[in-house]
């Protein structure tokens, strides 16, 4: 018995729509990363891009649990002496491109390398409820109903 590997020519990509309103950022990012990578399909192959295209709408309405909005910090270094810089999640949320929060959360859950850079091109994140991909007839996935922990309870 031999192992079968999926070739890139055998893959049929679908479009998936996810509404991020009231979803918890980390749990949503895990599900998006699995869909982009193709781990939800029976023919997953690690070295081939076999995932679907993902559209995320209402990115500005995503929530964080606990005190992450005020206390979670992202650090980077400029390369110069004393060049450590940081931002809180609240500062990132107030920026004009606050949809990058979702993009970065998904990107940081994936491997580093050329395959991931190719896969991340299939992620489209939009602040509002409108998106320009209506012609692709995306299939809507309701992450809220998958697990009760995916939504924030007041």
C-alpha atoms as a PDB file:
ATOM      1  CA  UNK A   1       0.000   0.000   0.000  1.00  0.00           C
ATOM      2  CA  UNK A   2       1.380   3.408  -0.930  1.00  0.00           C
ATOM      3  CA  UNK A   3       0.629   6.902   0.222  1.00  0.00           C
ATOM      4  CA  UNK A   4      -1.143   9.120  -2.286  1.00  0.00           C
ATOM      5  CA  UNK A   5      -0.202  12.765  -2.585  1.00  0.00           C
ATOM      6  CA  UNK A   6      -2.404  15.447  -4.070  1.00  0.00           C
ATOM      7  CA  UNK A   7      -0.948  17.433  -6.950  1.00  0.00           C
ATOM      8  CA  UNK A   8      -1.620  21.114  -7.447  1.00  0.00           C
ATOM      9  CA  UNK A   9      -3.500  20.398 -10.677  1.00  0.00           C
ATOM     10  CA  UNK A  10      -5.997  18.151  -8.843  1.00  0.00           C
ATOM     11  CA  UNK A  11      -7.142  20.818  -6.374  1.00  0.00           C
ATOM     12  CA  UNK A  12     -10.432  22.669  -6.730  1.00  0.00           C
ATOM     13  CA  UNK A  13     -10.473  25.843  -4.668  1.00  0.00           C
ATOM     14  CA  UNK A  14     -13.705  27.109  -3.144  1.00  0.00           C
ATOM     15  CA  UNK A  15     -14.501  30.515  -1.686  1.00  0.00           C
ATOM     16  CA  UNK A  16     -15.461  30.734   1.992  1.00  0.00           C
ATOM     17  CA  UNK A  17     -17.113  33.716   3.706  1.00  0.00           C
ATOM     18  CA  UNK A  18     -16.672  34.277   7.450  1.00  0.00           C
ATOM     19  CA  UNK A  19     -18.484  36.995   9.406  1.00  0.00           C
ATOM     20  CA  UNK A  20     -16.152  38.147  12.206  1.00  0.00           C
ATOM     21  CA  UNK A  21     -18.793  40.053  14.160  1.00  0.00           C
ATOM     22  CA  UNK A  22     -18.585  39.138  17.879  1.00  0.00           C
ATOM     23  CA  UNK A  23     -16.086  36.318  17.231  1.00  0.00           C
ATOM     24  CA  UNK A  24     -13.023  35.870  19.441  1.00  0.00           C
ATOM     25  CA  UNK A  25      -9.879  36.744  17.474  1.00  0.00           C
ATOM     26  CA  UNK A  26      -7.660  33.770  18.323  1.00  0.00           C
ATOM     27  CA  UNK A  27     -10.306  31.088  17.855  1.00  0.00           C
ATOM     28  CA  UNK A  28     -11.358  32.603  14.550  1.00  0.00           C
ATOM     29  CA  UNK A  29      -7.737  32.821  13.366  1.00  0.00           C
ATOM     30  CA  UNK A  30      -7.182  29.102  14.044  1.00  0.00           C
ATOM     31  CA  UNK A  31     -10.196  28.156  11.927  1.00  0.00           C
ATOM     32  CA  UNK A  32      -9.155  30.509   9.115  1.00  0.00           C
ATOM     33  CA  UNK A  33      -5.597  29.136   9.127  1.00  0.00           C
ATOM     34  CA  UNK A  34      -6.900  25.570   8.851  1.00  0.00           C
ATOM     35  CA  UNK A  35      -9.169  26.467   5.923  1.00  0.00           C
ATOM     36  CA  UNK A  36      -6.391  28.364   4.125  1.00  0.00           C
ATOM     37  CA  UNK A  37      -3.951  25.484   4.620  1.00  0.00           C
ATOM     38  CA  UNK A  38      -6.493  22.853   3.551  1.00  0.00           C
ATOM     39  CA  UNK A  39      -6.417  20.863   6.778  1.00  0.00           C
ATOM     40  CA  UNK A  40     -10.208  20.608   6.748  1.00  0.00           C
ATOM     41  CA  UNK A  41     -10.130  18.544   3.542  1.00  0.00           C
ATOM     42  CA  UNK A  42      -9.603  14.776   3.321  1.00  0.00           C
ATOM     43  CA  UNK A  43      -6.777  15.083   0.779  1.00  0.00           C
ATOM     44  CA  UNK A  44      -4.501  17.432   2.764  1.00  0.00           C
ATOM     45  CA  UNK A  45      -0.902  17.381   1.581  1.00  0.00           C
ATOM     46  CA  UNK A  46       1.678  19.335   3.634  1.00  0.00           C
ATOM     47  CA  UNK A  47       3.867  20.545   0.754  1.00  0.00           C
ATOM     48  CA  UNK A  48       1.006  21.638  -1.559  1.00  0.00           C
ATOM     49  CA  UNK A  49      -1.304  24.630  -1.293  1.00  0.00           C
ATOM     50  CA  UNK A  50      -4.630  22.769  -1.161  1.00  0.00           C
ATOM     51  CA  UNK A  51      -6.735  25.239   0.845  1.00  0.00           C
ATOM     52  CA  UNK A  52      -9.632  27.488  -0.055  1.00  0.00           C
ATOM     53  CA  UNK A  53      -9.902  31.253  -0.522  1.00  0.00           C
ATOM     54  CA  UNK A  54     -11.227  32.978   2.608  1.00  0.00           C
ATOM     55  CA  UNK A  55     -13.152  36.265   2.816  1.00  0.00           C
ATOM     56  CA  UNK A  56     -13.524  37.828   6.274  1.00  0.00           C
ATOM     57  CA  UNK A  57     -16.085  40.608   6.693  1.00  0.00           C
ATOM     58  CA  UNK A  58     -16.809  42.866   9.700  1.00  0.00           C
ATOM     59  CA  UNK A  59     -13.164  42.724  10.760  1.00  0.00           C
ATOM     60  CA  UNK A  60     -13.564  45.820  12.899  1.00  0.00           C
ATOM     61  CA  UNK A  61     -16.162  44.059  15.102  1.00  0.00           C
ATOM     62  CA  UNK A  62     -13.908  41.227  16.284  1.00  0.00           C
ATOM     63  CA  UNK A  63     -13.510  40.940  20.077  1.00  0.00           C
ATOM     64  CA  UNK A  64     -10.732  39.990  22.459  1.00  0.00           C
ATOM     65  CA  UNK A  65     -11.150  38.313  25.825  1.00  0.00           C
ATOM     66  CA  UNK A  66      -9.830  39.541  29.134  1.00  0.00           C
ATOM     67  CA  UNK A  67      -7.600  42.607  29.247  1.00  0.00           C
ATOM     68  CA  UNK A  68      -5.794  41.875  25.981  1.00  0.00           C
ATOM     69  CA  UNK A  69      -6.923  45.137  24.412  1.00  0.00           C
ATOM     70  CA  UNK A  70      -4.981  47.192  26.993  1.00  0.00           C
ATOM     71  CA  UNK A  71      -2.228  44.809  28.107  1.00  0.00           C
ATOM     72  CA  UNK A  72      -1.190  42.746  25.071  1.00  0.00           C
ATOM     73  CA  UNK A  73       1.845  44.288  23.390  1.00  0.00           C
ATOM     74  CA  UNK A  74       3.535  43.571  20.084  1.00  0.00           C
ATOM     75  CA  UNK A  75       7.276  44.249  19.978  1.00  0.00           C
ATOM     76  CA  UNK A  76       9.657  44.796  17.081  1.00  0.00           C
ATOM     77  CA  UNK A  77      13.188  46.078  16.705  1.00  0.00           C
ATOM     78  CA  UNK A  78      14.349  48.685  14.222  1.00  0.00           C
ATOM     79  CA  UNK A  79      17.861  47.257  14.009  1.00  0.00           C
ATOM     80  CA  UNK A  80      19.478  50.253  15.693  1.00  0.00           C
ATOM     81  CA  UNK A  81      20.792  50.341  19.270  1.00  0.00           C
ATOM     82  CA  UNK A  82      17.911  51.021  21.636  1.00  0.00           C
ATOM     83  CA  UNK A  83      15.459  50.541  18.794  1.00  0.00           C
ATOM     84  CA  UNK A  84      12.919  48.315  20.543  1.00  0.00           C
ATOM     85  CA  UNK A  85       9.391  49.509  19.836  1.00  0.00           C
ATOM     86  CA  UNK A  86       5.989  48.283  20.895  1.00  0.00           C
ATOM     87  CA  UNK A  87       2.274  48.806  20.389  1.00  0.00           C
ATOM     88  CA  UNK A  88      -0.715  47.684  22.372  1.00  0.00           C
ATOM     89  CA  UNK A  89      -3.643  45.917  20.756  1.00  0.00           C
ATOM     90  CA  UNK A  90      -5.758  49.015  21.433  1.00  0.00           C
ATOM     91  CA  UNK A  91      -3.367  51.161  19.383  1.00  0.00           C
ATOM     92  CA  UNK A  92      -3.538  48.632  16.541  1.00  0.00           C
ATOM     93  CA  UNK A  93      -7.345  48.661  16.668  1.00  0.00           C
ATOM     94  CA  UNK A  94      -7.436  52.458  16.383  1.00  0.00           C
ATOM     95  CA  UNK A  95      -5.264  52.547  13.250  1.00  0.00           C
ATOM     96  CA  UNK A  96      -6.881  53.055   9.841  1.00  0.00           C
ATOM     97  CA  UNK A  97      -5.777  49.554   8.753  1.00  0.00           C
ATOM     98  CA  UNK A  98      -7.153  47.721  11.801  1.00  0.00           C
ATOM     99  CA  UNK A  99      -8.079  44.774   9.566  1.00  0.00           C
ATOM    100  CA  UNK A 100      -4.411  43.793   9.824  1.00  0.00           C
ATOM    101  CA  UNK A 101      -5.137  42.434  13.311  1.00  0.00           C
ATOM    102  CA  UNK A 102      -6.894  39.438  11.759  1.00  0.00           C
ATOM    103  CA  UNK A 103      -4.338  39.096   8.963  1.00  0.00           C
ATOM    104  CA  UNK A 104      -1.417  39.095  11.413  1.00  0.00           C
ATOM    105  CA  UNK A 105      -3.146  36.687  13.813  1.00  0.00           C
ATOM    106  CA  UNK A 106      -3.613  34.176  10.980  1.00  0.00           C
ATOM    107  CA  UNK A 107      -0.118  34.714   9.563  1.00  0.00           C
ATOM    108  CA  UNK A 108       1.522  34.155  12.946  1.00  0.00           C
ATOM    109  CA  UNK A 109      -0.254  30.791  13.299  1.00  0.00           C
ATOM    110  CA  UNK A 110       1.295  29.417  10.128  1.00  0.00           C
ATOM    111  CA  UNK A 111       4.763  28.212   9.204  1.00  0.00           C
ATOM    112  CA  UNK A 112       7.325  30.619   7.832  1.00  0.00           C
ATOM    113  CA  UNK A 113       8.343  30.180   4.228  1.00  0.00           C
ATOM    114  CA  UNK A 114       7.400  30.546   0.576  1.00  0.00           C
ATOM    115  CA  UNK A 115       4.356  28.258   0.778  1.00  0.00           C
ATOM    116  CA  UNK A 116       2.819  30.334   3.566  1.00  0.00           C
ATOM    117  CA  UNK A 117       3.424  33.548   1.630  1.00  0.00           C
ATOM    118  CA  UNK A 118       1.574  31.985  -1.309  1.00  0.00           C
ATOM    119  CA  UNK A 119      -1.271  30.785   0.940  1.00  0.00           C
ATOM    120  CA  UNK A 120      -1.721  34.165   2.653  1.00  0.00           C
ATOM    121  CA  UNK A 121      -2.550  35.764  -0.705  1.00  0.00           C
ATOM    122  CA  UNK A 122      -5.844  33.857  -0.560  1.00  0.00           C
ATOM    123  CA  UNK A 123      -6.994  35.682   2.605  1.00  0.00           C
ATOM    124  CA  UNK A 124      -9.150  38.766   2.002  1.00  0.00           C
ATOM    125  CA  UNK A 125     -10.105  40.856   5.053  1.00  0.00           C
ATOM    126  CA  UNK A 126     -12.659  43.710   4.941  1.00  0.00           C
ATOM    127  CA  UNK A 127     -13.782  46.090   7.691  1.00  0.00           C
ATOM    128  CA  UNK A 128     -17.429  46.372   6.683  1.00  0.00           C
ATOM    129  CA  UNK A 129     -20.087  43.928   5.579  1.00  0.00           C
ATOM    130  CA  UNK A 130     -19.526  44.536   1.850  1.00  0.00           C
ATOM    131  CA  UNK A 131     -16.912  42.764  -0.232  1.00  0.00           C
ATOM    132  CA  UNK A 132     -16.139  42.708  -3.982  1.00  0.00           C
ATOM    133  CA  UNK A 133     -16.126  38.891  -4.289  1.00  0.00           C
ATOM    134  CA  UNK A 134     -19.860  38.299  -4.738  1.00  0.00           C
ATOM    135  CA  UNK A 135     -19.302  36.835  -8.221  1.00  0.00           C
ATOM    136  CA  UNK A 136     -17.347  33.918  -6.701  1.00  0.00           C
ATOM    137  CA  UNK A 137     -20.461  32.761  -4.778  1.00  0.00           C
ATOM    138  CA  UNK A 138     -18.689  32.201  -1.444  1.00  0.00           C
ATOM    139  CA  UNK A 139     -19.982  29.530   0.904  1.00  0.00           C
ATOM    140  CA  UNK A 140     -20.793  31.012   4.324  1.00  0.00           C
ATOM    141  CA  UNK A 141     -19.330  29.258   7.349  1.00  0.00           C
ATOM    142  CA  UNK A 142     -20.933  30.056  10.697  1.00  0.00           C
ATOM    143  CA  UNK A 143     -18.132  29.798  13.265  1.00  0.00           C
ATOM    144  CA  UNK A 144     -20.505  30.975  16.008  1.00  0.00           C
ATOM    145  CA  UNK A 145     -22.504  27.766  15.851  1.00  0.00           C
ATOM    146  CA  UNK A 146     -19.446  25.467  15.677  1.00  0.00           C
ATOM    147  CA  UNK A 147     -18.512  26.017  19.316  1.00  0.00           C
ATOM    148  CA  UNK A 148     -20.070  28.089  22.084  1.00  0.00           C
ATOM    149  CA  UNK A 149     -16.609  29.359  23.058  1.00  0.00           C
ATOM    150  CA  UNK A 150     -16.145  31.063  19.675  1.00  0.00           C
ATOM    151  CA  UNK A 151     -18.349  34.019  20.647  1.00  0.00           C
ATOM    152  CA  UNK A 152     -17.996  36.435  23.492  1.00  0.00           C
ATOM    153  CA  UNK A 153     -20.643  36.079  26.144  1.00  0.00           C
ATOM    154  CA  UNK A 154     -21.513  39.304  27.962  1.00  0.00           C
END
